[in-house]
């Protein structure tokens, strides 16, 4: 049976794919065994190094949970600011007014071209020189500032591309019935483009969560990755075990975000396909206009 994307495989193609799959699984098993053997030879798999994470809650309550709280706090605040700011900048780049479109485009391209770590370091220096923010709070503000400036500019391009991807007939039809441009954007274009933009937006939110680790590595912000280094020193050089636990937590957080986005995208698509309303005969007559023209029904009999 053929698919929309590709033709059905023949006997030779099936045998070839089975061979490729077998070779890949064997190579993957060999790599996993090599990693396991290397860690075992270095003593990194000894129970004493992993015991703090499976025999009590001290490691979680003292190091992991506070670090996770700081990671989520910085990421959540950056998301709350970057999402509306990015949407505003993306819509502004589509403005008919040159004095709006050009400056906004320059701002977006400027911050999108600078590494987020540079923006964080710049923010830390800025808060130290020109504000009264305490030295304990500066890393947090610097991390959020860098995340907002970079990710808002990226989100602006996502929003702009999502709106431009819609057929021009959507906006032309809306203007033909007398809607103003802000109404076309708010009522027609944005609701339709949100579904298409959602995967890219969530991918950028995942980037925000992961980039908080830069603040811990360079700006001494006590987030989840920084807590792993402190924890490994306290429990006696179990850095592999600590980083593994932290990596698993990051995977769970990011997988939860992407799973929620997939569910939400499917729900939005299903709602667009059908409103769920059941139309009766009278509704169909009113929609088709036969009652007004006298065609059929009581109007036709009269």
Protein backbone atom coordinates (compact mmCIF):
# COMPACT_ATOMS: atom_id res chain seq x y z
CA UNK A 1 0.00 0.00 0.00
CA UNK A 2 1.36 3.44 -0.94
CA UNK A 3 1.50 6.38 1.42
CA UNK A 4 1.11 10.08 0.79
CA UNK A 5 4.77 10.58 1.68
CA UNK A 6 6.41 7.55 0.06
CA UNK A 7 5.74 4.41 -1.97
CA UNK A 8 5.37 1.03 -0.33
CA UNK A 9 8.68 -0.78 0.17
CA UNK A 10 9.54 -3.74 -1.98
CA UNK A 11 11.21 -6.97 -0.75
CA UNK A 12 14.74 -5.67 -1.39
CA UNK A 13 14.07 -2.37 0.39
CA UNK A 14 12.60 -4.19 3.39
CA UNK A 15 15.64 -6.47 3.65
CA UNK A 16 17.96 -3.47 3.33
CA UNK A 17 16.11 -1.55 6.07
CA UNK A 18 16.23 -4.57 8.38
CA UNK A 19 19.97 -4.80 7.78
CA UNK A 20 20.49 -1.10 8.50
CA UNK A 21 18.41 -1.34 11.66
CA UNK A 22 20.36 -4.35 12.88
CA UNK A 23 23.71 -2.69 12.23
CA UNK A 24 22.56 0.45 14.04
CA UNK A 25 21.34 -1.49 17.09
CA UNK A 26 24.58 -3.46 17.27
CA UNK A 27 26.64 -0.26 17.02
CA UNK A 28 24.48 1.41 19.68
CA UNK A 29 24.85 -1.57 22.00
CA UNK A 30 28.63 -1.48 21.49
CA UNK A 31 28.80 2.22 22.34
CA UNK A 32 26.66 1.74 25.47
CA UNK A 33 28.85 -1.16 26.55
CA UNK A 34 31.99 0.91 26.00
CA UNK A 35 30.57 3.76 28.11
CA UNK A 36 29.49 1.34 30.84
CA UNK A 37 32.91 -0.37 30.88
CA UNK A 38 34.78 2.94 30.97
CA UNK A 39 32.70 4.20 33.89
CA UNK A 40 33.06 0.89 35.71
CA UNK A 41 36.86 0.88 35.28
CA UNK A 42 37.01 4.40 36.75
CA UNK A 43 34.89 3.38 39.72
CA UNK A 44 32.04 5.74 38.78
CA UNK A 45 29.39 3.01 39.11
CA UNK A 46 30.15 2.12 42.72
CA UNK A 47 27.11 2.19 44.96
CA UNK A 48 28.69 4.67 47.39
CA UNK A 49 28.61 7.37 44.69
CA UNK A 50 24.94 6.80 43.82
CA UNK A 51 23.69 6.04 47.31
CA UNK A 52 22.78 9.67 48.24
CA UNK A 53 20.18 9.76 45.44
CA UNK A 54 18.49 6.43 46.24
CA UNK A 55 18.74 5.99 50.00
CA UNK A 56 17.46 9.29 51.34
CA UNK A 57 16.10 12.75 50.59
CA UNK A 58 18.96 14.90 51.88
CA UNK A 59 20.51 15.39 48.43
CA UNK A 60 17.19 16.44 46.96
CA UNK A 61 16.05 18.74 49.76
CA UNK A 62 19.44 20.39 50.28
CA UNK A 63 20.79 20.74 46.72
CA UNK A 64 18.52 19.58 43.90
CA UNK A 65 15.21 21.13 44.97
CA UNK A 66 16.63 24.62 45.70
CA UNK A 67 18.53 24.54 42.41
CA UNK A 68 15.44 23.38 40.52
CA UNK A 69 13.40 26.17 42.10
CA UNK A 70 15.93 28.76 40.92
CA UNK A 71 15.98 27.25 37.42
CA UNK A 72 12.20 27.28 37.13
CA UNK A 73 11.93 30.77 38.62
CA UNK A 74 14.36 32.30 36.12
CA UNK A 75 12.90 30.35 33.19
CA UNK A 76 9.28 31.16 34.10
CA UNK A 77 9.95 34.88 34.50
CA UNK A 78 11.87 34.96 31.22
CA UNK A 79 9.01 33.16 29.45
CA UNK A 80 6.37 35.51 30.85
CA UNK A 81 8.30 38.56 29.60
CA UNK A 82 9.74 37.16 26.37
CA UNK A 83 6.50 35.73 24.94
CA UNK A 84 4.44 38.95 24.79
CA UNK A 85 7.52 41.03 23.97
CA UNK A 86 8.45 38.71 21.11
CA UNK A 87 4.89 38.73 19.78
CA UNK A 88 4.80 42.53 19.88
CA UNK A 89 8.14 42.83 18.10
CA UNK A 90 7.12 40.26 15.48
CA UNK A 91 3.88 42.09 14.70
CA UNK A 92 5.70 45.44 14.66
CA UNK A 93 8.07 44.10 12.00
CA UNK A 94 5.02 43.65 9.76
CA UNK A 95 3.91 47.26 10.18
CA UNK A 96 3.15 49.36 7.10
CA UNK A 97 4.92 52.29 8.76
CA UNK A 98 8.61 52.45 7.91
CA UNK A 99 9.48 54.33 11.10
CA UNK A 100 8.18 51.35 13.12
CA UNK A 101 9.28 48.46 10.93
CA UNK A 102 12.94 49.46 10.41
CA UNK A 103 13.94 50.26 14.05
CA UNK A 104 12.19 47.16 15.35
CA UNK A 105 13.92 45.05 12.70
CA UNK A 106 17.29 46.45 13.74
CA UNK A 107 16.63 45.67 17.41
CA UNK A 108 15.51 42.11 16.66
CA UNK A 109 18.46 41.35 14.39
CA UNK A 110 20.92 42.89 16.85
CA UNK A 111 19.88 40.84 19.88
CA UNK A 112 19.33 37.70 17.82
CA UNK A 113 22.94 37.85 16.61
CA UNK A 114 24.51 38.14 20.09
CA UNK A 115 25.12 34.96 22.14
CA UNK A 116 22.86 34.74 25.15
CA UNK A 117 25.87 34.31 27.47
CA UNK A 118 27.27 37.67 26.34
CA UNK A 119 23.91 39.28 27.09
CA UNK A 120 23.93 37.74 30.58
CA UNK A 121 27.44 39.02 31.30
CA UNK A 122 26.49 42.44 29.96
CA UNK A 123 23.41 42.44 32.17
CA UNK A 124 25.46 41.56 35.23
CA UNK A 125 27.85 44.47 34.57
CA UNK A 126 24.91 46.78 33.90
CA UNK A 127 23.18 45.97 37.18
CA UNK A 128 26.46 46.28 39.08
CA UNK A 129 27.33 49.70 37.64
CA UNK A 130 24.01 51.50 37.28
CA UNK A 131 21.56 49.97 39.76
CA UNK A 132 21.26 49.35 43.47
CA UNK A 133 20.50 45.64 43.06
CA UNK A 134 22.31 43.62 45.72
CA UNK A 135 25.17 41.35 44.73
CA UNK A 136 23.11 38.31 45.72
CA UNK A 137 20.28 39.21 43.32
CA UNK A 138 22.38 40.42 40.38
CA UNK A 139 22.98 36.96 38.86
CA UNK A 140 19.23 36.28 38.80
CA UNK A 141 18.44 39.60 37.12
CA UNK A 142 21.31 39.15 34.67
CA UNK A 143 20.18 35.64 33.69
CA UNK A 144 16.59 36.79 33.13
CA UNK A 145 17.73 39.86 31.18
CA UNK A 146 19.90 37.79 28.84
CA UNK A 147 17.19 35.19 28.31
CA UNK A 148 14.53 37.81 27.60
CA UNK A 149 16.58 39.87 25.14
CA UNK A 150 17.75 36.89 23.11
CA UNK A 151 14.62 34.75 23.14
CA UNK A 152 12.23 37.65 22.56
CA UNK A 153 14.09 38.45 19.35
CA UNK A 154 13.94 34.80 18.25
CA UNK A 155 10.25 34.57 19.14
CA UNK A 156 9.64 37.75 17.14
CA UNK A 157 10.96 36.01 14.03
CA UNK A 158 8.83 32.95 14.77
CA UNK A 159 5.71 35.09 15.04
CA UNK A 160 6.54 37.06 11.90
CA UNK A 161 7.24 33.89 9.89
CA UNK A 162 4.07 32.23 11.17
CA UNK A 163 1.90 35.15 10.09
CA UNK A 164 3.60 35.48 6.69
CA UNK A 165 3.09 31.74 6.09
CA UNK A 166 -0.68 32.22 5.91
CA UNK A 167 -2.23 32.65 2.45
CA UNK A 168 -2.65 36.29 1.43
CA UNK A 169 -6.27 35.57 0.66
CA UNK A 170 -7.00 35.48 4.39
CA UNK A 171 -6.11 39.13 4.95
CA UNK A 172 -7.46 40.25 1.57
CA UNK A 173 -10.85 38.70 2.27
CA UNK A 174 -10.94 40.27 5.73
CA UNK A 175 -10.12 43.72 4.35
CA UNK A 176 -12.71 43.25 1.62
CA UNK A 177 -15.47 43.07 4.24
CA UNK A 178 -14.24 46.27 5.89
CA UNK A 179 -11.99 45.12 8.72
CA UNK A 180 -9.14 47.40 9.71
CA UNK A 181 -5.58 46.04 9.72
CA UNK A 182 -5.39 45.70 13.49
CA UNK A 183 -8.67 43.76 13.42
CA UNK A 184 -7.35 41.52 10.64
CA UNK A 185 -4.23 40.80 12.69
CA UNK A 186 -6.08 40.24 15.95
CA UNK A 187 -9.13 38.34 14.72
CA UNK A 188 -7.97 36.55 11.56
CA UNK A 189 -4.21 36.10 11.25
CA UNK A 190 -3.00 35.53 14.82
CA UNK A 191 -5.60 32.88 15.78
CA UNK A 192 -4.78 30.86 12.64
CA UNK A 193 -1.02 31.17 12.91
CA UNK A 194 -0.82 30.17 16.59
CA UNK A 195 -1.32 26.49 15.81
CA UNK A 196 1.44 26.51 13.20
CA UNK A 197 3.81 28.48 15.44
CA UNK A 198 3.22 26.41 18.57
CA UNK A 199 5.93 23.74 18.02
CA UNK A 200 8.58 26.39 17.31
CA UNK A 201 7.48 28.48 20.28
CA UNK A 202 7.68 25.51 22.65
CA UNK A 203 11.09 24.59 21.26
CA UNK A 204 12.25 28.08 22.17
CA UNK A 205 10.78 27.71 25.67
CA UNK A 206 12.83 24.53 26.05
CA UNK A 207 15.89 26.55 25.05
CA UNK A 208 15.07 29.05 27.80
CA UNK A 209 14.98 26.31 30.42
CA UNK A 210 18.31 24.87 29.28
CA UNK A 211 20.05 28.24 28.94
CA UNK A 212 19.53 28.99 32.63
CA UNK A 213 22.49 26.63 33.14
CA UNK A 214 24.75 29.27 31.60
CA UNK A 215 24.00 31.52 34.54
CA UNK A 216 25.14 28.84 36.94
CA UNK A 217 28.31 28.06 35.01
CA UNK A 218 29.50 31.66 34.54
CA UNK A 219 27.47 34.04 36.73
CA UNK A 220 27.36 31.87 39.89
CA UNK A 221 23.58 31.79 39.78
CA UNK A 222 22.56 28.86 42.05
CA UNK A 223 20.46 26.96 39.51
CA UNK A 224 20.17 23.21 38.98
CA UNK A 225 23.49 22.60 37.22
CA UNK A 226 25.40 24.68 39.77
CA UNK A 227 23.82 22.65 42.55
CA UNK A 228 25.21 19.48 40.94
CA UNK A 229 28.77 20.78 41.27
CA UNK A 230 28.24 21.73 44.91
CA UNK A 231 26.55 18.41 45.62
CA UNK A 232 29.33 16.35 44.06
CA UNK A 233 31.92 18.10 46.19
CA UNK A 234 29.95 17.49 49.37
CA UNK A 235 29.35 13.79 48.72
CA UNK A 236 32.87 13.03 47.54
CA UNK A 237 33.58 13.46 43.84
CA UNK A 238 30.45 11.77 42.47
CA UNK A 239 30.24 14.29 39.63
CA UNK A 240 29.04 11.70 37.08
CA UNK A 241 26.18 10.61 39.34
CA UNK A 242 25.22 14.21 40.13
CA UNK A 243 25.23 15.29 36.50
CA UNK A 244 23.24 12.20 35.51
CA UNK A 245 20.49 13.02 38.01
CA UNK A 246 20.42 16.65 36.87
CA UNK A 247 20.29 15.58 33.22
CA UNK A 248 17.33 13.30 33.93
CA UNK A 249 15.49 16.18 35.63
CA UNK A 250 16.11 18.45 32.63
CA UNK A 251 14.85 15.72 30.29
CA UNK A 252 11.66 15.32 32.35
CA UNK A 253 10.99 19.08 32.37
CA UNK A 254 11.59 19.55 28.66
CA UNK A 255 9.70 16.38 27.71
CA UNK A 256 6.75 17.62 29.76
CA UNK A 257 6.80 20.93 27.88
CA UNK A 258 6.91 19.29 24.46
CA UNK A 259 4.21 16.75 25.41
CA UNK A 260 1.92 19.52 26.61
CA UNK A 261 2.56 21.44 23.39
CA UNK A 262 1.70 18.38 21.28
CA UNK A 263 -1.52 17.88 23.21
CA UNK A 264 -2.44 21.56 22.92
CA UNK A 265 -1.65 21.66 19.21
CA UNK A 266 -3.84 18.62 18.57
CA UNK A 267 -6.66 20.13 20.59
CA UNK A 268 -6.47 23.41 18.69
CA UNK A 269 -6.50 21.60 15.35
CA UNK A 270 -9.54 19.53 16.36
CA UNK A 271 -11.40 22.65 17.46
CA UNK A 272 -10.71 24.28 14.11
CA UNK A 273 -12.07 21.29 12.21
CA UNK A 274 -15.42 21.37 13.98
CA UNK A 275 -17.17 23.70 16.38
CA UNK A 276 -19.24 20.83 17.74
CA UNK A 277 -22.51 22.60 16.95
CA UNK A 278 -25.38 20.56 15.53
CA UNK A 279 -27.38 22.41 12.85
CA UNK A 280 -31.04 21.79 12.30
CA UNK A 281 -33.09 22.24 9.11
CA UNK A 282 -34.06 25.78 10.06
CA UNK A 283 -30.40 26.71 10.51
CA UNK A 284 -29.51 25.32 7.10
CA UNK A 285 -32.33 27.29 5.52
CA UNK A 286 -31.16 30.50 7.17
CA UNK A 287 -27.54 29.90 6.16
CA UNK A 288 -28.35 29.13 2.53
CA UNK A 289 -30.75 32.06 2.31
CA UNK A 290 -33.62 30.02 0.85
CA UNK A 291 -36.03 31.46 3.37
CA UNK A 292 -35.30 34.96 2.12
CA UNK A 293 -35.50 34.04 -1.58
CA UNK A 294 -38.63 31.95 -1.20
CA UNK A 295 -37.04 28.83 -2.68
CA UNK A 296 -38.43 25.71 -1.03
CA UNK A 297 -40.20 25.30 2.30
CA UNK A 298 -42.93 27.64 3.38
CA UNK A 299 -41.53 30.50 1.35
CA UNK A 300 -41.77 28.44 -1.83
CA UNK A 301 -45.36 27.41 -1.08
CA UNK A 302 -46.41 31.01 -0.52
